[in-house]
Amino acid sequence: MVPSARVCLLRRRGGWGSDGEAGGSDGEAGGKKLPELDALDMAHNAIENGAAGVDMGRNIFQSDNPVAMIRAIRAVVHESAKPSSAYEEFVRPVLHGH
């Protein structure tokens, strides 16, 4: 895991917790934005290790396409998608109205 990244683990086995550092080296909570595939890998690893969900901020709202990133994270968390296939959905253009 990237040292400055943080994922909150929701209802983790044994209680509530956090995986990673509480903040980045610049003092910001949650650390710096990760590349999309790295963020999807981090979410996938959290779910695979017993997390019921993930809590992301800047990896969503600082993404080039926040809606696509939300869909990709949702696929990883709720549909057990692999990060690479969720990333393919992220980079694929969305056709509105079809």
PDB file of N, CA and C in Angstrom:
ATOM      1  N   MET A   1       0.842  -1.171   0.000  1.00  0.00           N
ATOM      2  CA  MET A   1       0.000   0.000   0.000  1.00  0.00           C
ATOM      3  C   MET A   1       0.890   1.238   0.000  1.00  0.00           C
ATOM      4  N   VAL A   2       0.430   2.281  -0.654  1.00  0.00           N
ATOM      5  CA  VAL A   2       1.144   3.551  -0.672  1.00  0.00           C
ATOM      6  C   VAL A   2       1.098   4.132   0.734  1.00  0.00           C
ATOM      7  N   PRO A   3       2.246   4.516   1.331  1.00  0.00           N
ATOM      8  CA  PRO A   3       2.279   4.951   2.730  1.00  0.00           C
ATOM      9  C   PRO A   3       1.365   6.130   3.054  1.00  0.00           C
ATOM     10  N   SER A   4       1.131   7.040   2.111  1.00  0.00           N
ATOM     11  CA  SER A   4       0.311   8.193   2.446  1.00  0.00           C
ATOM     12  C   SER A   4      -1.176   7.959   2.187  1.00  0.00           C
ATOM     13  N   ALA A   5      -1.530   6.772   1.734  1.00  0.00           N
ATOM     14  CA  ALA A   5      -2.929   6.483   1.438  1.00  0.00           C
ATOM     15  C   ALA A   5      -3.646   5.959   2.678  1.00  0.00           C
ATOM     16  N   ARG A   6      -4.949   6.147   2.717  1.00  0.00           N
ATOM     17  CA  ARG A   6      -5.738   5.670   3.845  1.00  0.00           C
ATOM     18  C   ARG A   6      -7.056   5.101   3.346  1.00  0.00           C
ATOM     19  N   VAL A   7      -7.436   3.982   3.867  1.00  0.00           N
ATOM     20  CA  VAL A   7      -8.743   3.402   3.596  1.00  0.00           C
ATOM     21  C   VAL A   7      -9.366   3.091   4.941  1.00  0.00           C
ATOM     22  N   CYS A   8     -10.557   3.581   5.180  1.00  0.00           N
ATOM     23  CA  CYS A   8     -11.278   3.216   6.395  1.00  0.00           C
ATOM     24  C   CYS A   8     -11.952   1.884   6.146  1.00  0.00           C
ATOM     25  N   LEU A   9     -11.801   0.971   7.057  1.00  0.00           N
ATOM     26  CA  LEU A   9     -12.449  -0.318   6.949  1.00  0.00           C
ATOM     27  C   LEU A   9     -13.726  -0.282   7.770  1.00  0.00           C
ATOM     28  N   LEU A  10     -14.842  -0.514   7.125  1.00  0.00           N
ATOM     29  CA  LEU A  10     -16.126  -0.450   7.785  1.00  0.00           C
ATOM     30  C   LEU A  10     -16.521  -1.836   8.272  1.00  0.00           C
ATOM     31  N   ARG A  11     -16.871  -1.914   9.551  1.00  0.00           N
ATOM     32  CA  ARG A  11     -17.253  -3.169  10.189  1.00  0.00           C
ATOM     33  C   ARG A  11     -16.250  -4.275   9.920  1.00  0.00           C
ATOM     34  N   ARG A  12     -15.012  -3.956  10.118  1.00  0.00           N
ATOM     35  CA  ARG A  12     -13.933  -4.927   9.937  1.00  0.00           C
ATOM     36  C   ARG A  12     -14.068  -6.027  10.985  1.00  0.00           C
ATOM     37  N   ARG A  13     -13.613  -7.204  10.639  1.00  0.00           N
ATOM     38  CA  ARG A  13     -13.617  -8.280  11.631  1.00  0.00           C
ATOM     39  C   ARG A  13     -12.944  -7.792  12.900  1.00  0.00           C
ATOM     40  N   GLY A  14     -13.621  -7.909  14.016  1.00  0.00           N
ATOM     41  CA  GLY A  14     -13.050  -7.478  15.281  1.00  0.00           C
ATOM     42  C   GLY A  14     -13.349  -6.029  15.618  1.00  0.00           C
ATOM     43  N   GLY A  15     -14.133  -5.340  14.817  1.00  0.00           N
ATOM     44  CA  GLY A  15     -14.509  -3.965  15.146  1.00  0.00           C
ATOM     45  C   GLY A  15     -14.185  -2.985  14.041  1.00  0.00           C
ATOM     46  N   TRP A  16     -14.292  -1.726  14.368  1.00  0.00           N
ATOM     47  CA  TRP A  16     -14.043  -0.651  13.423  1.00  0.00           C
ATOM     48  C   TRP A  16     -12.555  -0.361  13.395  1.00  0.00           C
ATOM     49  N   GLY A  17     -12.063   0.070  12.266  1.00  0.00           N
ATOM     50  CA  GLY A  17     -10.643   0.364  12.216  1.00  0.00           C
ATOM     51  C   GLY A  17     -10.265   1.120  10.977  1.00  0.00           C
ATOM     52  N   SER A  18      -8.992   1.343  10.857  1.00  0.00           N
ATOM     53  CA  SER A  18      -8.439   2.060   9.715  1.00  0.00           C
ATOM     54  C   SER A  18      -7.177   1.348   9.289  1.00  0.00           C
ATOM     55  N   ASP A  19      -6.970   1.277   7.992  1.00  0.00           N
ATOM     56  CA  ASP A  19      -5.784   0.623   7.449  1.00  0.00           C
ATOM     57  C   ASP A  19      -4.942   1.690   6.783  1.00  0.00           C
ATOM     58  N   GLY A  20      -3.747   1.890   7.231  1.00  0.00           N
ATOM     59  CA  GLY A  20      -2.897   2.916   6.655  1.00  0.00           C
ATOM     60  C   GLY A  20      -2.718   4.068   7.615  1.00  0.00           C
ATOM     61  N   GLU A  21      -2.118   5.123   7.141  1.00  0.00           N
ATOM     62  CA  GLU A  21      -1.850   6.276   7.984  1.00  0.00           C
ATOM     63  C   GLU A  21      -3.057   7.189   8.054  1.00  0.00           C
ATOM     64  N   ALA A  22      -3.147   7.945   9.122  1.00  0.00           N
ATOM     65  CA  ALA A  22      -4.249   8.884   9.282  1.00  0.00           C
ATOM     66  C   ALA A  22      -4.097  10.094   8.382  1.00  0.00           C
ATOM     67  N   GLY A  23      -2.933  10.377   7.940  1.00  0.00           N
ATOM     68  CA  GLY A  23      -2.749  11.533   7.063  1.00  0.00           C
ATOM     69  C   GLY A  23      -1.484  11.407   6.253  1.00  0.00           C
ATOM     70  N   GLY A  24      -1.407  12.224   5.215  1.00  0.00           N
ATOM     71  CA  GLY A  24      -0.227  12.209   4.367  1.00  0.00           C
ATOM     72  C   GLY A  24       0.883  13.027   4.971  1.00  0.00           C
ATOM     73  N   SER A  25       2.022  13.027   4.314  1.00  0.00           N
ATOM     74  CA  SER A  25       3.174  13.764   4.819  1.00  0.00           C
ATOM     75  C   SER A  25       2.952  15.265   4.784  1.00  0.00           C
ATOM     76  N   ASP A  26       1.965  15.725   4.002  1.00  0.00           N
ATOM     77  CA  ASP A  26       1.673  17.153   3.932  1.00  0.00           C
ATOM     78  C   ASP A  26       0.655  17.575   4.987  1.00  0.00           C
ATOM     79  N   GLY A  27       0.271  16.649   5.865  1.00  0.00           N
ATOM     80  CA  GLY A  27      -0.649  16.972   6.947  1.00  0.00           C
ATOM     81  C   GLY A  27      -2.111  16.894   6.564  1.00  0.00           C
ATOM     82  N   GLU A  28      -2.423  16.523   5.335  1.00  0.00           N
ATOM     83  CA  GLU A  28      -3.812  16.405   4.914  1.00  0.00           C
ATOM     84  C   GLU A  28      -4.344  15.043   5.318  1.00  0.00           C
ATOM     85  N   ALA A  29      -5.577  15.025   5.814  1.00  0.00           N
ATOM     86  CA  ALA A  29      -6.201  13.761   6.178  1.00  0.00           C
ATOM     87  C   ALA A  29      -6.357  12.904   4.937  1.00  0.00           C
ATOM     88  N   GLY A  30      -5.979  11.641   5.027  1.00  0.00           N
ATOM     89  CA  GLY A  30      -6.177  10.714   3.935  1.00  0.00           C
ATOM     90  C   GLY A  30      -5.059  10.663   2.918  1.00  0.00           C
ATOM     91  N   GLY A  31      -4.141  11.577   2.940  1.00  0.00           N
ATOM     92  CA  GLY A  31      -3.026  11.534   2.002  1.00  0.00           C
ATOM     93  C   GLY A  31      -3.379  12.070   0.637  1.00  0.00           C
ATOM     94  N   LYS A  32      -2.479  11.849  -0.307  1.00  0.00           N
ATOM     95  CA  LYS A  32      -2.635  12.382  -1.663  1.00  0.00           C
ATOM     96  C   LYS A  32      -3.480  11.462  -2.517  1.00  0.00           C
ATOM     97  N   LYS A  33      -4.021  12.020  -3.591  1.00  0.00           N
ATOM     98  CA  LYS A  33      -4.790  11.249  -4.549  1.00  0.00           C
ATOM     99  C   LYS A  33      -3.878  10.224  -5.210  1.00  0.00           C
ATOM    100  N   LEU A  34      -4.391   9.025  -5.335  1.00  0.00           N
ATOM    101  CA  LEU A  34      -3.671   7.943  -6.005  1.00  0.00           C
ATOM    102  C   LEU A  34      -4.108   7.859  -7.457  1.00  0.00           C
ATOM    103  N   PRO A  35      -3.284   7.281  -8.320  1.00  0.00           N
ATOM    104  CA  PRO A  35      -3.779   6.951  -9.657  1.00  0.00           C
ATOM    105  C   PRO A  35      -4.993   6.027  -9.517  1.00  0.00           C
ATOM    106  N   GLU A  36      -5.924   6.116 -10.442  1.00  0.00           N
ATOM    107  CA  GLU A  36      -7.192   5.393 -10.325  1.00  0.00           C
ATOM    108  C   GLU A  36      -7.006   3.896 -10.108  1.00  0.00           C
ATOM    109  N   LEU A  37      -6.128   3.260 -10.879  1.00  0.00           N
ATOM    110  CA  LEU A  37      -5.939   1.818 -10.726  1.00  0.00           C
ATOM    111  C   LEU A  37      -5.376   1.479  -9.347  1.00  0.00           C
ATOM    112  N   ASP A  38      -4.491   2.310  -8.814  1.00  0.00           N
ATOM    113  CA  ASP A  38      -3.957   2.081  -7.465  1.00  0.00           C
ATOM    114  C   ASP A  38      -5.062   2.196  -6.419  1.00  0.00           C
ATOM    115  N   ALA A  39      -5.946   3.159  -6.574  1.00  0.00           N
ATOM    116  CA  ALA A  39      -7.061   3.320  -5.630  1.00  0.00           C
ATOM    117  C   ALA A  39      -8.006   2.119  -5.705  1.00  0.00           C
ATOM    118  N   LEU A  40      -8.243   1.609  -6.911  1.00  0.00           N
ATOM    119  CA  LEU A  40      -9.086   0.423  -7.068  1.00  0.00           C
ATOM    120  C   LEU A  40      -8.416  -0.801  -6.450  1.00  0.00           C
ATOM    121  N   ASP A  41      -7.105  -0.924  -6.619  1.00  0.00           N
ATOM    122  CA  ASP A  41      -6.362  -2.020  -5.974  1.00  0.00           C
ATOM    123  C   ASP A  41      -6.480  -1.936  -4.457  1.00  0.00           C
ATOM    124  N   MET A  42      -6.351  -0.731  -3.918  1.00  0.00           N
ATOM    125  CA  MET A  42      -6.437  -0.540  -2.475  1.00  0.00           C
ATOM    126  C   MET A  42      -7.828  -0.920  -1.956  1.00  0.00           C
ATOM    127  N   ALA A  43      -8.859  -0.504  -2.672  1.00  0.00           N
ATOM    128  CA  ALA A  43     -10.228  -0.854  -2.273  1.00  0.00           C
ATOM    129  C   ALA A  43     -10.437  -2.364  -2.347  1.00  0.00           C
ATOM    130  N   HIS A  44      -9.963  -2.978  -3.406  1.00  0.00           N
ATOM    131  CA  HIS A  44     -10.095  -4.427  -3.572  1.00  0.00           C
ATOM    132  C   HIS A  44      -9.389  -5.168  -2.436  1.00  0.00           C
ATOM    133  N   ASN A  45      -8.177  -4.738  -2.104  1.00  0.00           N
ATOM    134  CA  ASN A  45      -7.433  -5.381  -1.014  1.00  0.00           C
ATOM    135  C   ASN A  45      -8.158  -5.238   0.316  1.00  0.00           C
ATOM    136  N   ALA A  46      -8.758  -4.072   0.560  1.00  0.00           N
ATOM    137  CA  ALA A  46      -9.507  -3.870   1.801  1.00  0.00           C
ATOM    138  C   ALA A  46     -10.686  -4.834   1.877  1.00  0.00           C
ATOM    139  N   ILE A  47     -11.445  -4.949   0.785  1.00  0.00           N
ATOM    140  CA  ILE A  47     -12.602  -5.846   0.764  1.00  0.00           C
ATOM    141  C   ILE A  47     -12.155  -7.298   0.909  1.00  0.00           C
ATOM    142  N   GLU A  48     -11.101  -7.677   0.213  1.00  0.00           N
ATOM    143  CA  GLU A  48     -10.587  -9.045   0.296  1.00  0.00           C
ATOM    144  C   GLU A  48     -10.108  -9.389   1.707  1.00  0.00           C
ATOM    145  N   ASN A  49      -9.730  -8.374   2.486  1.00  0.00           N
ATOM    146  CA  ASN A  49      -9.237  -8.602   3.841  1.00  0.00           C
ATOM    147  C   ASN A  49     -10.298  -8.356   4.899  1.00  0.00           C
ATOM    148  N   GLY A  50     -11.579  -8.383   4.506  1.00  0.00           N
ATOM    149  CA  GLY A  50     -12.656  -8.368   5.471  1.00  0.00           C
ATOM    150  C   GLY A  50     -13.403  -7.071   5.657  1.00  0.00           C
ATOM    151  N   ALA A  51     -13.060  -6.011   4.938  1.00  0.00           N
ATOM    152  CA  ALA A  51     -13.795  -4.752   5.075  1.00  0.00           C
ATOM    153  C   ALA A  51     -15.189  -4.895   4.463  1.00  0.00           C
ATOM    154  N   ALA A  52     -16.161  -4.239   5.060  1.00  0.00           N
ATOM    155  CA  ALA A  52     -17.517  -4.231   4.515  1.00  0.00           C
ATOM    156  C   ALA A  52     -17.688  -3.115   3.494  1.00  0.00           C
ATOM    157  N   GLY A  53     -16.752  -2.181   3.458  1.00  0.00           N
ATOM    158  CA  GLY A  53     -16.820  -1.072   2.510  1.00  0.00           C
ATOM    159  C   GLY A  53     -15.576  -0.221   2.634  1.00  0.00           C
ATOM    160  N   VAL A  54     -15.498   0.820   1.830  1.00  0.00           N
ATOM    161  CA  VAL A  54     -14.372   1.738   1.869  1.00  0.00           C
ATOM    162  C   VAL A  54     -14.881   3.169   1.922  1.00  0.00           C
ATOM    163  N   ASP A  55     -14.040   4.050   2.392  1.00  0.00           N
ATOM    164  CA  ASP A  55     -14.361   5.469   2.506  1.00  0.00           C
ATOM    165  C   ASP A  55     -13.300   6.227   1.724  1.00  0.00           C
ATOM    166  N   MET A  56     -13.686   6.825   0.608  1.00  0.00           N
ATOM    167  CA  MET A  56     -12.724   7.558  -0.219  1.00  0.00           C
ATOM    168  C   MET A  56     -13.202   8.977  -0.410  1.00  0.00           C
ATOM    169  N   GLY A  57     -12.254   9.894  -0.495  1.00  0.00           N
ATOM    170  CA  GLY A  57     -12.565  11.300  -0.725  1.00  0.00           C
ATOM    171  C   GLY A  57     -11.923  11.778  -2.002  1.00  0.00           C
ATOM    172  N   ARG A  58     -10.676  12.243  -1.878  1.00  0.00           N
ATOM    173  CA  ARG A  58     -10.031  12.882  -3.032  1.00  0.00           C
ATOM    174  C   ARG A  58      -9.799  11.931  -4.193  1.00  0.00           C
ATOM    175  N   ASN A  59      -9.758  10.618  -3.959  1.00  0.00           N
ATOM    176  CA  ASN A  59      -9.628   9.692  -5.082  1.00  0.00           C
ATOM    177  C   ASN A  59     -10.888   9.663  -5.929  1.00  0.00           C
ATOM    178  N   ILE A  60     -11.977  10.199  -5.392  1.00  0.00           N
ATOM    179  CA  ILE A  60     -13.212  10.369  -6.163  1.00  0.00           C
ATOM    180  C   ILE A  60     -13.283  11.791  -6.705  1.00  0.00           C
ATOM    181  N   PHE A  61     -13.317  12.786  -5.806  1.00  0.00           N
ATOM    182  CA  PHE A  61     -13.616  14.141  -6.267  1.00  0.00           C
ATOM    183  C   PHE A  61     -12.482  14.819  -7.008  1.00  0.00           C
ATOM    184  N   GLN A  62     -11.258  14.301  -6.952  1.00  0.00           N
ATOM    185  CA  GLN A  62     -10.170  14.853  -7.758  1.00  0.00           C
ATOM    186  C   GLN A  62      -9.903  14.019  -9.011  1.00  0.00           C
ATOM    187  N   SER A  63     -10.717  13.020  -9.237  1.00  0.00           N
ATOM    188  CA  SER A  63     -10.572  12.199 -10.434  1.00  0.00           C
ATOM    189  C   SER A  63     -10.974  13.016 -11.660  1.00  0.00           C
ATOM    190  N   ASP A  64     -10.409  12.665 -12.808  1.00  0.00           N
ATOM    191  CA  ASP A  64     -10.805  13.314 -14.058  1.00  0.00           C
ATOM    192  C   ASP A  64     -12.268  13.045 -14.380  1.00  0.00           C
ATOM    193  N   ASN A  65     -12.790  11.922 -13.909  1.00  0.00           N
ATOM    194  CA  ASN A  65     -14.182  11.567 -14.128  1.00  0.00           C
ATOM    195  C   ASN A  65     -14.745  10.968 -12.842  1.00  0.00           C
ATOM    196  N   PRO A  66     -15.198  11.821 -11.907  1.00  0.00           N
ATOM    197  CA  PRO A  66     -15.661  11.325 -10.606  1.00  0.00           C
ATOM    198  C   PRO A  66     -16.799  10.308 -10.687  1.00  0.00           C
ATOM    199  N   VAL A  67     -17.736  10.498 -11.599  1.00  0.00           N
ATOM    200  CA  VAL A  67     -18.866   9.564 -11.710  1.00  0.00           C
ATOM    201  C   VAL A  67     -18.368   8.183 -12.138  1.00  0.00           C
ATOM    202  N   ALA A  68     -17.473   8.138 -13.105  1.00  0.00           N
ATOM    203  CA  ALA A  68     -16.912   6.856 -13.539  1.00  0.00           C
ATOM    204  C   ALA A  68     -16.106   6.204 -12.415  1.00  0.00           C
ATOM    205  N   MET A  69     -15.406   7.010 -11.625  1.00  0.00           N
ATOM    206  CA  MET A  69     -14.623   6.456 -10.515  1.00  0.00           C
ATOM    207  C   MET A  69     -15.545   5.881  -9.445  1.00  0.00           C
ATOM    208  N   ILE A  70     -16.648   6.562  -9.166  1.00  0.00           N
ATOM    209  CA  ILE A  70     -17.623   6.030  -8.211  1.00  0.00           C
ATOM    210  C   ILE A  70     -18.149   4.690  -8.713  1.00  0.00           C
ATOM    211  N   ARG A  71     -18.457   4.609  -9.988  1.00  0.00           N
ATOM    212  CA  ARG A  71     -18.955   3.348 -10.560  1.00  0.00           C
ATOM    213  C   ARG A  71     -17.906   2.241 -10.452  1.00  0.00           C
ATOM    214  N   ALA A  72     -16.653   2.578 -10.684  1.00  0.00           N
ATOM    215  CA  ALA A  72     -15.580   1.590 -10.602  1.00  0.00           C
ATOM    216  C   ALA A  72     -15.395   1.100  -9.167  1.00  0.00           C
ATOM    217  N   ILE A  73     -15.396   2.016  -8.201  1.00  0.00           N
ATOM    218  CA  ILE A  73     -15.285   1.628  -6.785  1.00  0.00           C
ATOM    219  C   ILE A  73     -16.478   0.772  -6.379  1.00  0.00           C
ATOM    220  N   ARG A  74     -17.666   1.164  -6.835  1.00  0.00           N
ATOM    221  CA  ARG A  74     -18.875   0.394  -6.527  1.00  0.00           C
ATOM    222  C   ARG A  74     -18.745  -1.032  -7.058  1.00  0.00           C
ATOM    223  N   ALA A  75     -18.227  -1.176  -8.275  1.00  0.00           N
ATOM    224  CA  ALA A  75     -18.057  -2.510  -8.853  1.00  0.00           C
ATOM    225  C   ALA A  75     -17.104  -3.355  -8.014  1.00  0.00           C
ATOM    226  N   VAL A  76     -16.036  -2.754  -7.537  1.00  0.00           N
ATOM    227  CA  VAL A  76     -15.068  -3.487  -6.702  1.00  0.00           C
ATOM    228  C   VAL A  76     -15.697  -3.889  -5.371  1.00  0.00           C
ATOM    229  N   VAL A  77     -16.394  -2.957  -4.731  1.00  0.00           N
ATOM    230  CA  VAL A  77     -16.931  -3.201  -3.387  1.00  0.00           C
ATOM    231  C   VAL A  77     -18.185  -4.071  -3.414  1.00  0.00           C
ATOM    232  N   HIS A  78     -19.123  -3.788  -4.312  1.00  0.00           N
ATOM    233  CA  HIS A  78     -20.430  -4.452  -4.270  1.00  0.00           C
ATOM    234  C   HIS A  78     -20.610  -5.575  -5.282  1.00  0.00           C
ATOM    235  N   GLU A  79     -19.755  -5.616  -6.311  1.00  0.00           N
ATOM    236  CA  GLU A  79     -19.920  -6.641  -7.335  1.00  0.00           C
ATOM    237  C   GLU A  79     -18.704  -7.562  -7.421  1.00  0.00           C
ATOM    238  N   SER A  80     -17.768  -7.414  -6.488  1.00  0.00           N
ATOM    239  CA  SER A  80     -16.558  -8.232  -6.427  1.00  0.00           C
ATOM    240  C   SER A  80     -15.739  -8.180  -7.722  1.00  0.00           C
ATOM    241  N   ALA A  81     -15.783  -7.033  -8.400  1.00  0.00           N
ATOM    242  CA  ALA A  81     -15.004  -6.870  -9.629  1.00  0.00           C
ATOM    243  C   ALA A  81     -13.522  -6.782  -9.299  1.00  0.00           C
ATOM    244  N   LYS A  82     -12.716  -7.306 -10.179  1.00  0.00           N
ATOM    245  CA  LYS A  82     -11.267  -7.159 -10.053  1.00  0.00           C
ATOM    246  C   LYS A  82     -10.904  -5.724 -10.422  1.00  0.00           C
ATOM    247  N   PRO A  83      -9.867  -5.171  -9.807  1.00  0.00           N
ATOM    248  CA  PRO A  83      -9.480  -3.784 -10.108  1.00  0.00           C
ATOM    249  C   PRO A  83      -9.259  -3.515 -11.594  1.00  0.00           C
ATOM    250  N   SER A  84      -8.647  -4.453 -12.301  1.00  0.00           N
ATOM    251  CA  SER A  84      -8.363  -4.225 -13.728  1.00  0.00           C
ATOM    252  C   SER A  84      -9.639  -4.115 -14.551  1.00  0.00           C
ATOM    253  N   SER A  85     -10.648  -4.941 -14.262  1.00  0.00           N
ATOM    254  CA  SER A  85     -11.898  -4.843 -15.022  1.00  0.00           C
ATOM    255  C   SER A  85     -12.681  -3.594 -14.625  1.00  0.00           C
ATOM    256  N   ALA A  86     -12.637  -3.221 -13.358  1.00  0.00           N
ATOM    257  CA  ALA A  86     -13.296  -1.978 -12.930  1.00  0.00           C
ATOM    258  C   ALA A  86     -12.613  -0.773 -13.574  1.00  0.00           C
ATOM    259  N   TYR A  87     -11.302  -0.834 -13.707  1.00  0.00           N
ATOM    260  CA  TYR A  87     -10.558   0.254 -14.348  1.00  0.00           C
ATOM    261  C   TYR A  87     -10.929   0.363 -15.825  1.00  0.00           C
ATOM    262  N   GLU A  88     -11.113  -0.760 -16.493  1.00  0.00           N
ATOM    263  CA  GLU A  88     -11.542  -0.742 -17.899  1.00  0.00           C
ATOM    264  C   GLU A  88     -12.870   0.004 -18.038  1.00  0.00           C
ATOM    265  N   GLU A  89     -13.769  -0.211 -17.086  1.00  0.00           N
ATOM    266  CA  GLU A  89     -15.046   0.514 -17.103  1.00  0.00           C
ATOM    267  C   GLU A  89     -14.823   2.005 -16.870  1.00  0.00           C
ATOM    268  N   PHE A  90     -13.833   2.342 -16.049  1.00  0.00           N
ATOM    269  CA  PHE A  90     -13.534   3.746 -15.764  1.00  0.00           C
ATOM    270  C   PHE A  90     -13.028   4.461 -17.003  1.00  0.00           C
ATOM    271  N   VAL A  91     -12.131   3.833 -17.752  1.00  0.00           N
ATOM    272  CA  VAL A  91     -11.522   4.514 -18.895  1.00  0.00           C
ATOM    273  C   VAL A  91     -12.387   4.456 -20.148  1.00  0.00           C
ATOM    274  N   ARG A  92     -13.369   3.563 -20.175  1.00  0.00           N
ATOM    275  CA  ARG A  92     -14.259   3.463 -21.342  1.00  0.00           C
ATOM    276  C   ARG A  92     -15.185   4.673 -21.374  1.00  0.00           C
ATOM    277  N   PRO A  93     -15.314   5.335 -22.509  1.00  0.00           N
ATOM    278  CA  PRO A  93     -16.218   6.491 -22.589  1.00  0.00           C
ATOM    279  C   PRO A  93     -17.666   6.072 -22.342  1.00  0.00           C
ATOM    280  N   VAL A  94     -18.381   6.895 -21.619  1.00  0.00           N
ATOM    281  CA  VAL A  94     -19.792   6.640 -21.339  1.00  0.00           C
ATOM    282  C   VAL A  94     -20.621   7.359 -22.393  1.00  0.00           C
ATOM    283  N   LEU A  95     -21.496   6.642 -23.058  1.00  0.00           N
ATOM    284  CA  LEU A  95     -22.384   7.230 -24.040  1.00  0.00           C
ATOM    285  C   LEU A  95     -23.681   7.625 -23.346  1.00  0.00           C
ATOM    286  N   HIS A  96     -23.943   8.908 -23.261  1.00  0.00           N
ATOM    287  CA  HIS A  96     -25.153   9.394 -22.595  1.00  0.00           C
ATOM    288  C   HIS A  96     -26.364   9.151 -23.476  1.00  0.00           C
ATOM    289  N   GLY A  97     -27.435   8.688 -22.846  1.00  0.00           N
ATOM    290  CA  GLY A  97     -28.686   8.495 -23.551  1.00  0.00           C
ATOM    291  C   GLY A  97     -28.794   7.164 -24.279  1.00  0.00           C
ATOM    292  N   HIS A  98     -27.810   6.274 -24.121  1.00  0.00           N
ATOM    293  CA  HIS A  98     -27.876   4.973 -24.789  1.00  0.00           C
ATOM    294  C   HIS A  98     -27.832   3.860 -23.788  1.00  0.00           C
TER     295      HIS A  98
END
